[in-house]
Each structure stands twice: as C-alpha cells, then as structure tokens.
Amino acid sequence: MMVGARVPKRLVLHLPLLAILLMALLTRSYHLGHTNDVHPPLYALGGALLTRSAGLWAAALLSVTYFHVKYSQEARMYALMGLLFATTFWGLVIAVRQQRRSGWVVYGAAGALLMYSHAIGALYVTALALLFPLLVPRLATGGAGVRG
C-alpha cells in the first residue's frame, strides 16, 4: 500500500464479514481434508495385533473402501470417530500387550475424545472395555505389572 493512501470505508466495514466467511470456509474444509487421518493408527493397530504388513494391508484396504471414502468427505463426525476408535483400540492393545503406561494414557485421552465427539462413542468405549478381558490372558495367570 502506498504511503498516505486511504482504505475505502466499505472495505473497512466488510472486513469482519470477510473474516467470518473465511473462518467458516476454513473450518468446513478442515473436516473435508482429513480423510486419511485414520490410516496411521490403523497401521499401528495392525502392527501391534499381528504384523506390520497386516497393518499396511488394513490401511490400504481402508483407502479403497467405498463407505470410508464417501463418509469421510462429508463434514460430519464419521472420519473423526474412525480415527478416535482406532487410536483408542491401539492404546488399549499397547497398554495390555506391552504393559506400558503410555498406552493407558492414549486409551483414556482418545476414549474421552471419542465419547465427546458423538453420543454413540460411549458405546464404542464400552465395547472396548468389554474386550479388555480377551486381551489379557496372561495377566489373569499372574503376569507382571505395568511398566512406564
């Protein structure tokens, strides 16, 4: 801008409206742009449960699944819930199988966010809590404690 130039009064009056419009567009596009966020936790979950190649196959198959592609492009909670469910499940597997305290932190934080994102998230966290005894056969026989 040149020195001494005046900003038109109309532009000054419309700046707040332009800022609100820009924020609305950015927020909406933020949800639409995160279709691939669930792939890293799914890869880690497959690696923790089976092998790394199983995690890679699971993430690759999710990439071409019609329902995932369709619903992750909407500005709704579906992609976020998939991300948080995979992260919660991964945290539970890490906490139980590797007996690491960081897994419990991930499980608690992602589970709380999952319940906060939608009401059905509480059912998902409950289902994972019911799955817990199936993951801990050695702890029932007197396995080692939790390490940090």
N, C-alpha and C. Protein backbone atom coordinates (compact mmCIF):
# COMPACT_ATOMS: atom_id res chain seq x y z
N MET A 1 0.85 -1.17 0.00
CA MET A 1 0.00 0.00 0.00
C MET A 1 0.89 1.23 0.00
N MET A 2 0.45 2.23 -0.69
CA MET A 2 1.25 3.46 -0.80
C MET A 2 1.09 4.29 0.47
N VAL A 3 2.11 5.08 0.76
CA VAL A 3 2.06 5.97 1.92
C VAL A 3 1.02 7.05 1.67
N GLY A 4 0.18 7.27 2.62
CA GLY A 4 -0.83 8.30 2.50
C GLY A 4 -2.10 7.84 1.80
N ALA A 5 -2.13 6.60 1.32
CA ALA A 5 -3.34 6.10 0.65
C ALA A 5 -4.40 5.78 1.69
N ARG A 6 -5.62 5.99 1.35
CA ARG A 6 -6.72 5.73 2.27
C ARG A 6 -7.38 4.39 1.93
N VAL A 7 -7.79 3.70 2.96
CA VAL A 7 -8.53 2.45 2.78
C VAL A 7 -10.00 2.83 2.62
N PRO A 8 -10.66 2.34 1.59
CA PRO A 8 -12.07 2.67 1.39
C PRO A 8 -12.91 2.25 2.60
N LYS A 9 -13.89 3.07 2.91
CA LYS A 9 -14.73 2.82 4.07
C LYS A 9 -15.53 1.53 3.94
N ARG A 10 -15.94 1.20 2.73
CA ARG A 10 -16.70 -0.04 2.51
C ARG A 10 -15.86 -1.26 2.86
N LEU A 11 -14.59 -1.21 2.50
CA LEU A 11 -13.71 -2.33 2.80
C LEU A 11 -13.55 -2.50 4.30
N VAL A 12 -13.42 -1.42 5.03
CA VAL A 12 -13.29 -1.47 6.49
C VAL A 12 -14.55 -2.05 7.11
N LEU A 13 -15.71 -1.70 6.58
CA LEU A 13 -16.97 -2.22 7.11
C LEU A 13 -17.15 -3.70 6.80
N HIS A 14 -16.62 -4.18 5.69
CA HIS A 14 -16.81 -5.56 5.29
C HIS A 14 -15.72 -6.50 5.79
N LEU A 15 -14.67 -6.00 6.37
CA LEU A 15 -13.59 -6.86 6.84
C LEU A 15 -14.05 -7.88 7.88
N PRO A 16 -14.87 -7.52 8.88
CA PRO A 16 -15.33 -8.55 9.81
C PRO A 16 -16.15 -9.64 9.13
N LEU A 17 -16.98 -9.26 8.16
CA LEU A 17 -17.77 -10.27 7.44
C LEU A 17 -16.88 -11.17 6.60
N LEU A 18 -15.87 -10.60 5.98
CA LEU A 18 -14.93 -11.41 5.22
C LEU A 18 -14.15 -12.37 6.12
N ALA A 19 -13.78 -11.90 7.29
CA ALA A 19 -13.07 -12.77 8.24
C ALA A 19 -13.95 -13.92 8.69
N ILE A 20 -15.22 -13.65 8.97
CA ILE A 20 -16.14 -14.71 9.39
C ILE A 20 -16.35 -15.71 8.26
N LEU A 21 -16.51 -15.23 7.05
CA LEU A 21 -16.68 -16.11 5.90
C LEU A 21 -15.45 -16.97 5.68
N LEU A 22 -14.28 -16.38 5.79
CA LEU A 22 -13.05 -17.14 5.61
C LEU A 22 -12.90 -18.20 6.69
N MET A 23 -13.22 -17.87 7.94
CA MET A 23 -13.13 -18.85 9.02
C MET A 23 -14.11 -19.99 8.80
N ALA A 24 -15.32 -19.68 8.33
CA ALA A 24 -16.31 -20.73 8.07
C ALA A 24 -15.84 -21.65 6.95
N LEU A 25 -15.26 -21.09 5.91
CA LEU A 25 -14.76 -21.93 4.81
C LEU A 25 -13.58 -22.79 5.25
N LEU A 26 -12.69 -22.22 6.04
CA LEU A 26 -11.54 -22.99 6.52
C LEU A 26 -11.97 -24.11 7.45
N THR A 27 -12.94 -23.86 8.31
CA THR A 27 -13.39 -24.90 9.24
C THR A 27 -14.06 -26.03 8.49
N ARG A 28 -14.87 -25.68 7.52
CA ARG A 28 -15.55 -26.72 6.76
C ARG A 28 -14.55 -27.52 5.94
N SER A 29 -13.60 -26.86 5.33
CA SER A 29 -12.62 -27.59 4.54
C SER A 29 -11.67 -28.38 5.43
N TYR A 30 -11.51 -27.99 6.69
CA TYR A 30 -10.68 -28.76 7.61
C TYR A 30 -11.26 -30.16 7.78
N HIS A 31 -12.57 -30.26 7.94
CA HIS A 31 -13.20 -31.57 8.09
C HIS A 31 -13.11 -32.37 6.81
N LEU A 32 -13.23 -31.72 5.68
CA LEU A 32 -13.21 -32.42 4.40
C LEU A 32 -11.81 -32.88 4.02
N GLY A 33 -10.81 -32.22 4.53
CA GLY A 33 -9.45 -32.56 4.13
C GLY A 33 -8.81 -33.66 4.94
N HIS A 34 -9.47 -34.18 5.93
CA HIS A 34 -8.85 -35.17 6.81
C HIS A 34 -9.44 -36.55 6.61
N THR A 35 -9.44 -37.00 5.37
CA THR A 35 -9.98 -38.33 5.08
C THR A 35 -8.97 -39.42 5.38
N ASN A 36 -7.69 -39.10 5.43
CA ASN A 36 -6.66 -40.12 5.61
C ASN A 36 -6.09 -40.16 7.02
N ASP A 37 -6.71 -39.48 7.96
CA ASP A 37 -6.17 -39.45 9.32
C ASP A 37 -6.24 -40.79 10.03
N VAL A 38 -7.15 -41.65 9.64
CA VAL A 38 -7.32 -42.91 10.35
C VAL A 38 -6.28 -43.95 9.92
N HIS A 39 -5.57 -43.72 8.85
CA HIS A 39 -4.62 -44.71 8.36
C HIS A 39 -3.42 -44.95 9.28
N PRO A 40 -2.75 -43.93 9.84
CA PRO A 40 -1.62 -44.22 10.74
C PRO A 40 -2.01 -45.02 11.99
N PRO A 41 -3.13 -44.68 12.70
CA PRO A 41 -3.46 -45.54 13.84
C PRO A 41 -3.90 -46.94 13.43
N LEU A 42 -4.51 -47.08 12.26
CA LEU A 42 -4.90 -48.41 11.80
C LEU A 42 -3.67 -49.24 11.46
N TYR A 43 -2.68 -48.62 10.86
CA TYR A 43 -1.42 -49.30 10.58
C TYR A 43 -0.74 -49.73 11.89
N ALA A 44 -0.72 -48.84 12.87
CA ALA A 44 -0.10 -49.16 14.16
C ALA A 44 -0.88 -50.25 14.88
N LEU A 45 -2.20 -50.21 14.79
CA LEU A 45 -3.03 -51.23 15.42
C LEU A 45 -2.80 -52.60 14.79
N GLY A 46 -2.74 -52.65 13.46
CA GLY A 46 -2.45 -53.91 12.79
C GLY A 46 -1.06 -54.43 13.14
N GLY A 47 -0.11 -53.50 13.27
CA GLY A 47 1.24 -53.90 13.66
C GLY A 47 1.31 -54.40 15.09
N ALA A 48 0.50 -53.82 15.98
CA ALA A 48 0.51 -54.25 17.38
C ALA A 48 -0.23 -55.58 17.56
N LEU A 49 -1.29 -55.79 16.80
CA LEU A 49 -2.06 -57.03 16.94
C LEU A 49 -1.44 -58.20 16.18
N LEU A 50 -1.00 -57.96 14.95
CA LEU A 50 -0.48 -59.04 14.11
C LEU A 50 0.93 -58.72 13.64
N THR A 51 1.06 -58.21 12.43
CA THR A 51 2.37 -57.84 11.89
C THR A 51 2.24 -56.48 11.21
N ARG A 52 3.37 -55.89 10.88
CA ARG A 52 3.34 -54.59 10.20
C ARG A 52 2.71 -54.70 8.82
N SER A 53 2.95 -55.81 8.15
CA SER A 53 2.35 -55.96 6.82
C SER A 53 0.83 -56.08 6.93
N ALA A 54 0.33 -56.66 8.00
CA ALA A 54 -1.13 -56.72 8.21
C ALA A 54 -1.69 -55.32 8.42
N GLY A 55 -0.98 -54.51 9.17
CA GLY A 55 -1.39 -53.12 9.36
C GLY A 55 -1.37 -52.34 8.06
N LEU A 56 -0.36 -52.60 7.24
CA LEU A 56 -0.27 -51.92 5.94
C LEU A 56 -1.42 -52.34 5.03
N TRP A 57 -1.74 -53.64 5.02
CA TRP A 57 -2.87 -54.12 4.22
C TRP A 57 -4.19 -53.52 4.71
N ALA A 58 -4.36 -53.43 6.01
CA ALA A 58 -5.60 -52.87 6.55
C ALA A 58 -5.75 -51.40 6.15
N ALA A 59 -4.67 -50.64 6.24
CA ALA A 59 -4.72 -49.23 5.84
C ALA A 59 -4.96 -49.10 4.34
N ALA A 60 -4.35 -49.98 3.55
CA ALA A 60 -4.55 -49.92 2.09
C ALA A 60 -5.98 -50.28 1.72
N LEU A 61 -6.54 -51.29 2.36
CA LEU A 61 -7.92 -51.67 2.07
C LEU A 61 -8.90 -50.59 2.51
N LEU A 62 -8.60 -49.92 3.61
CA LEU A 62 -9.47 -48.84 4.05
C LEU A 62 -9.47 -47.69 3.04
N SER A 63 -8.34 -47.51 2.36
CA SER A 63 -8.24 -46.42 1.39
C SER A 63 -9.20 -46.57 0.22
N VAL A 64 -9.55 -47.79 -0.11
CA VAL A 64 -10.43 -48.01 -1.26
C VAL A 64 -11.83 -48.46 -0.84
N THR A 65 -12.12 -48.49 0.45
CA THR A 65 -13.45 -48.86 0.90
C THR A 65 -14.42 -47.73 0.58
N TYR A 66 -15.51 -48.10 -0.07
CA TYR A 66 -16.47 -47.10 -0.55
C TYR A 66 -17.04 -46.27 0.59
N PHE A 67 -17.48 -46.91 1.66
CA PHE A 67 -18.13 -46.18 2.75
C PHE A 67 -17.17 -45.22 3.45
N HIS A 68 -15.93 -45.64 3.61
CA HIS A 68 -14.96 -44.75 4.25
C HIS A 68 -14.70 -43.52 3.38
N VAL A 69 -14.50 -43.74 2.09
CA VAL A 69 -14.24 -42.61 1.19
C VAL A 69 -15.45 -41.68 1.14
N LYS A 70 -16.65 -42.26 1.05
CA LYS A 70 -17.86 -41.45 0.93
C LYS A 70 -18.11 -40.63 2.19
N TYR A 71 -18.08 -41.27 3.34
CA TYR A 71 -18.44 -40.56 4.56
C TYR A 71 -17.32 -39.71 5.12
N SER A 72 -16.09 -39.97 4.76
CA SER A 72 -15.01 -39.12 5.25
C SER A 72 -14.93 -37.81 4.47
N GLN A 73 -15.61 -37.72 3.34
CA GLN A 73 -15.63 -36.47 2.58
C GLN A 73 -16.75 -35.55 3.04
N GLU A 74 -17.60 -36.01 3.93
CA GLU A 74 -18.64 -35.15 4.48
C GLU A 74 -18.09 -34.44 5.71
N ALA A 75 -18.65 -33.31 6.01
CA ALA A 75 -18.21 -32.55 7.18
C ALA A 75 -19.00 -33.03 8.39
N ARG A 76 -18.83 -34.30 8.71
CA ARG A 76 -19.50 -34.89 9.86
C ARG A 76 -18.46 -35.60 10.71
N MET A 77 -18.95 -36.34 11.69
CA MET A 77 -18.04 -36.92 12.66
C MET A 77 -17.55 -38.31 12.28
N TYR A 78 -17.92 -38.84 11.11
CA TYR A 78 -17.59 -40.23 10.79
C TYR A 78 -16.09 -40.47 10.72
N ALA A 79 -15.36 -39.64 10.01
CA ALA A 79 -13.91 -39.83 9.91
C ALA A 79 -13.25 -39.62 11.26
N LEU A 80 -13.72 -38.64 12.02
CA LEU A 80 -13.16 -38.39 13.34
C LEU A 80 -13.40 -39.58 14.27
N MET A 81 -14.60 -40.16 14.21
CA MET A 81 -14.88 -41.31 15.06
C MET A 81 -14.04 -42.52 14.67
N GLY A 82 -13.81 -42.71 13.37
CA GLY A 82 -12.93 -43.80 12.94
C GLY A 82 -11.52 -43.61 13.46
N LEU A 83 -11.03 -42.38 13.38
CA LEU A 83 -9.69 -42.06 13.87
C LEU A 83 -9.60 -42.30 15.37
N LEU A 84 -10.57 -41.80 16.12
CA LEU A 84 -10.52 -41.93 17.58
C LEU A 84 -10.74 -43.37 18.04
N PHE A 85 -11.59 -44.13 17.34
CA PHE A 85 -11.80 -45.53 17.71
C PHE A 85 -10.53 -46.33 17.47
N ALA A 86 -9.88 -46.13 16.31
CA ALA A 86 -8.65 -46.86 16.04
C ALA A 86 -7.55 -46.48 17.04
N THR A 87 -7.49 -45.20 17.41
CA THR A 87 -6.48 -44.75 18.38
C THR A 87 -6.78 -45.31 19.76
N THR A 88 -8.05 -45.34 20.15
CA THR A 88 -8.42 -45.90 21.45
C THR A 88 -8.09 -47.38 21.52
N PHE A 89 -8.44 -48.11 20.47
CA PHE A 89 -8.17 -49.54 20.42
C PHE A 89 -6.66 -49.81 20.43
N TRP A 90 -5.91 -49.01 19.69
CA TRP A 90 -4.45 -49.16 19.68
C TRP A 90 -3.88 -48.90 21.07
N GLY A 91 -4.36 -47.86 21.74
CA GLY A 91 -3.88 -47.57 23.09
C GLY A 91 -4.16 -48.72 24.05
N LEU A 92 -5.34 -49.33 23.93
CA LEU A 92 -5.68 -50.47 24.79
C LEU A 92 -4.78 -51.67 24.50
N VAL A 93 -4.51 -51.93 23.25
CA VAL A 93 -3.65 -53.05 22.89
C VAL A 93 -2.23 -52.82 23.39
N ILE A 94 -1.72 -51.61 23.22
CA ILE A 94 -0.37 -51.30 23.70
C ILE A 94 -0.30 -51.40 25.22
N ALA A 95 -1.34 -50.92 25.89
CA ALA A 95 -1.35 -50.95 27.36
C ALA A 95 -1.37 -52.38 27.88
N VAL A 96 -2.13 -53.23 27.23
CA VAL A 96 -2.30 -54.59 27.75
C VAL A 96 -1.18 -55.52 27.28
N ARG A 97 -0.91 -55.52 26.01
CA ARG A 97 0.07 -56.48 25.48
C ARG A 97 1.50 -56.11 25.82
N GLN A 98 1.84 -54.82 25.76
CA GLN A 98 3.21 -54.41 26.06
C GLN A 98 3.35 -53.87 27.47
N GLN A 99 2.25 -53.79 28.19
CA GLN A 99 2.20 -53.33 29.58
C GLN A 99 2.92 -51.99 29.75
N ARG A 100 2.50 -51.03 28.94
CA ARG A 100 3.09 -49.70 29.01
C ARG A 100 2.05 -48.70 29.49
N ARG A 101 2.47 -47.83 30.37
CA ARG A 101 1.59 -46.82 30.93
C ARG A 101 1.14 -45.81 29.88
N SER A 102 1.99 -45.56 28.89
CA SER A 102 1.63 -44.62 27.83
C SER A 102 0.43 -45.11 27.03
N GLY A 103 0.25 -46.41 26.93
CA GLY A 103 -0.93 -46.96 26.27
C GLY A 103 -2.22 -46.60 27.00
N TRP A 104 -2.16 -46.62 28.34
CA TRP A 104 -3.35 -46.24 29.11
C TRP A 104 -3.66 -44.76 28.95
N VAL A 105 -2.62 -43.94 28.82
CA VAL A 105 -2.84 -42.51 28.60
C VAL A 105 -3.52 -42.28 27.24
N VAL A 106 -3.02 -42.96 26.22
CA VAL A 106 -3.62 -42.83 24.88
C VAL A 106 -5.04 -43.36 24.90
N TYR A 107 -5.26 -44.50 25.56
CA TYR A 107 -6.60 -45.08 25.64
C TYR A 107 -7.57 -44.14 26.34
N GLY A 108 -7.15 -43.55 27.44
CA GLY A 108 -8.03 -42.63 28.18
C GLY A 108 -8.32 -41.35 27.43
N ALA A 109 -7.29 -40.75 26.86
CA ALA A 109 -7.48 -39.48 26.14
C ALA A 109 -8.31 -39.67 24.87
N ALA A 110 -7.97 -40.69 24.08
CA ALA A 110 -8.71 -40.92 22.83
C ALA A 110 -10.14 -41.40 23.14
N GLY A 111 -10.30 -42.19 24.20
CA GLY A 111 -11.64 -42.63 24.59
C GLY A 111 -12.51 -41.47 25.04
N ALA A 112 -11.93 -40.55 25.79
CA ALA A 112 -12.70 -39.37 26.21
C ALA A 112 -13.09 -38.52 25.01
N LEU A 113 -12.17 -38.33 24.08
CA LEU A 113 -12.49 -37.57 22.87
C LEU A 113 -13.52 -38.29 22.01
N LEU A 114 -13.45 -39.62 21.98
CA LEU A 114 -14.43 -40.40 21.23
C LEU A 114 -15.82 -40.22 21.82
N MET A 115 -15.93 -40.25 23.14
CA MET A 115 -17.24 -40.04 23.77
C MET A 115 -17.71 -38.61 23.59
N TYR A 116 -16.78 -37.67 23.52
CA TYR A 116 -17.14 -36.27 23.35
C TYR A 116 -17.58 -35.96 21.92
N SER A 117 -17.07 -36.71 20.94
CA SER A 117 -17.36 -36.41 19.54
C SER A 117 -18.78 -36.78 19.14
N HIS A 118 -19.33 -37.83 19.74
CA HIS A 118 -20.70 -38.24 19.43
C HIS A 118 -21.20 -39.13 20.56
N ALA A 119 -22.51 -39.17 20.73
CA ALA A 119 -23.08 -39.94 21.84
C ALA A 119 -22.83 -41.43 21.71
N ILE A 120 -22.76 -41.95 20.50
CA ILE A 120 -22.53 -43.38 20.32
C ILE A 120 -21.09 -43.76 20.66
N GLY A 121 -20.22 -42.78 20.79
CA GLY A 121 -18.84 -43.04 21.17
C GLY A 121 -18.73 -43.72 22.52
N ALA A 122 -19.69 -43.44 23.41
CA ALA A 122 -19.70 -44.11 24.72
C ALA A 122 -19.91 -45.62 24.56
N LEU A 123 -20.72 -46.01 23.59
CA LEU A 123 -20.92 -47.44 23.34
C LEU A 123 -19.65 -48.08 22.79
N TYR A 124 -18.93 -47.35 21.96
CA TYR A 124 -17.67 -47.88 21.43
C TYR A 124 -16.64 -48.08 22.52
N VAL A 125 -16.55 -47.11 23.43
CA VAL A 125 -15.60 -47.24 24.53
C VAL A 125 -16.02 -48.39 25.45
N THR A 126 -17.32 -48.56 25.67
CA THR A 126 -17.81 -49.68 26.47
C THR A 126 -17.49 -51.01 25.81
N ALA A 127 -17.65 -51.09 24.50
CA ALA A 127 -17.32 -52.33 23.78
C ALA A 127 -15.83 -52.65 23.91
N LEU A 128 -14.99 -51.63 23.84
CA LEU A 128 -13.55 -51.87 24.02
C LEU A 128 -13.24 -52.29 25.45
N ALA A 129 -13.95 -51.74 26.41
CA ALA A 129 -13.74 -52.14 27.81
C ALA A 129 -14.17 -53.60 28.02
N LEU A 130 -15.22 -54.02 27.33
CA LEU A 130 -15.64 -55.42 27.43
C LEU A 130 -14.67 -56.35 26.70
N LEU A 131 -13.94 -55.83 25.73
CA LEU A 131 -12.94 -56.59 25.01
C LEU A 131 -11.67 -56.79 25.84
N PHE A 132 -11.50 -55.98 26.84
CA PHE A 132 -10.29 -55.98 27.67
C PHE A 132 -9.95 -57.37 28.22
N PRO A 133 -10.89 -58.15 28.80
CA PRO A 133 -10.51 -59.47 29.32
C PRO A 133 -9.99 -60.43 28.25
N LEU A 134 -10.40 -60.26 27.01
CA LEU A 134 -9.90 -61.12 25.94
C LEU A 134 -8.45 -60.81 25.58
N LEU A 135 -8.03 -59.60 25.87
CA LEU A 135 -6.67 -59.21 25.54
C LEU A 135 -5.67 -59.57 26.64
N VAL A 136 -6.13 -59.92 27.82
CA VAL A 136 -5.23 -60.13 28.95
C VAL A 136 -5.25 -61.56 29.49
N PRO A 137 -5.00 -62.55 28.69
CA PRO A 137 -4.99 -63.90 29.25
C PRO A 137 -3.83 -64.14 30.21
N ARG A 138 -2.69 -63.49 29.98
CA ARG A 138 -1.54 -63.74 30.86
C ARG A 138 -1.63 -62.95 32.15
N LEU A 139 -2.35 -61.82 32.17
CA LEU A 139 -2.48 -61.08 33.41
C LEU A 139 -3.36 -61.83 34.41
N ALA A 140 -4.30 -62.64 33.90
CA ALA A 140 -5.16 -63.41 34.79
C ALA A 140 -4.38 -64.52 35.48
N THR A 141 -3.27 -64.95 34.88
CA THR A 141 -2.46 -66.01 35.49
C THR A 141 -1.31 -65.47 36.32
N GLY A 142 -1.35 -64.17 36.62
CA GLY A 142 -0.31 -63.60 37.49
C GLY A 142 0.87 -63.05 36.72
N GLY A 143 0.63 -62.34 35.65
CA GLY A 143 1.71 -61.73 34.86
C GLY A 143 2.32 -60.56 35.58
N ALA A 144 3.26 -59.94 34.93
CA ALA A 144 3.99 -58.80 35.51
C ALA A 144 3.10 -57.58 35.55
N GLY A 145 3.52 -56.59 36.33
CA GLY A 145 2.75 -55.34 36.48
C GLY A 145 2.99 -54.38 35.33
N VAL A 146 2.45 -53.21 35.46
CA VAL A 146 2.56 -52.18 34.43
C VAL A 146 3.89 -51.46 34.57
N ARG A 147 4.55 -51.26 33.45
CA ARG A 147 5.81 -50.51 33.48
C ARG A 147 5.64 -49.20 32.74
N GLY A 148 6.48 -48.23 33.00
CA GLY A 148 6.36 -46.88 32.44
C GLY A 148 6.95 -46.67 31.15
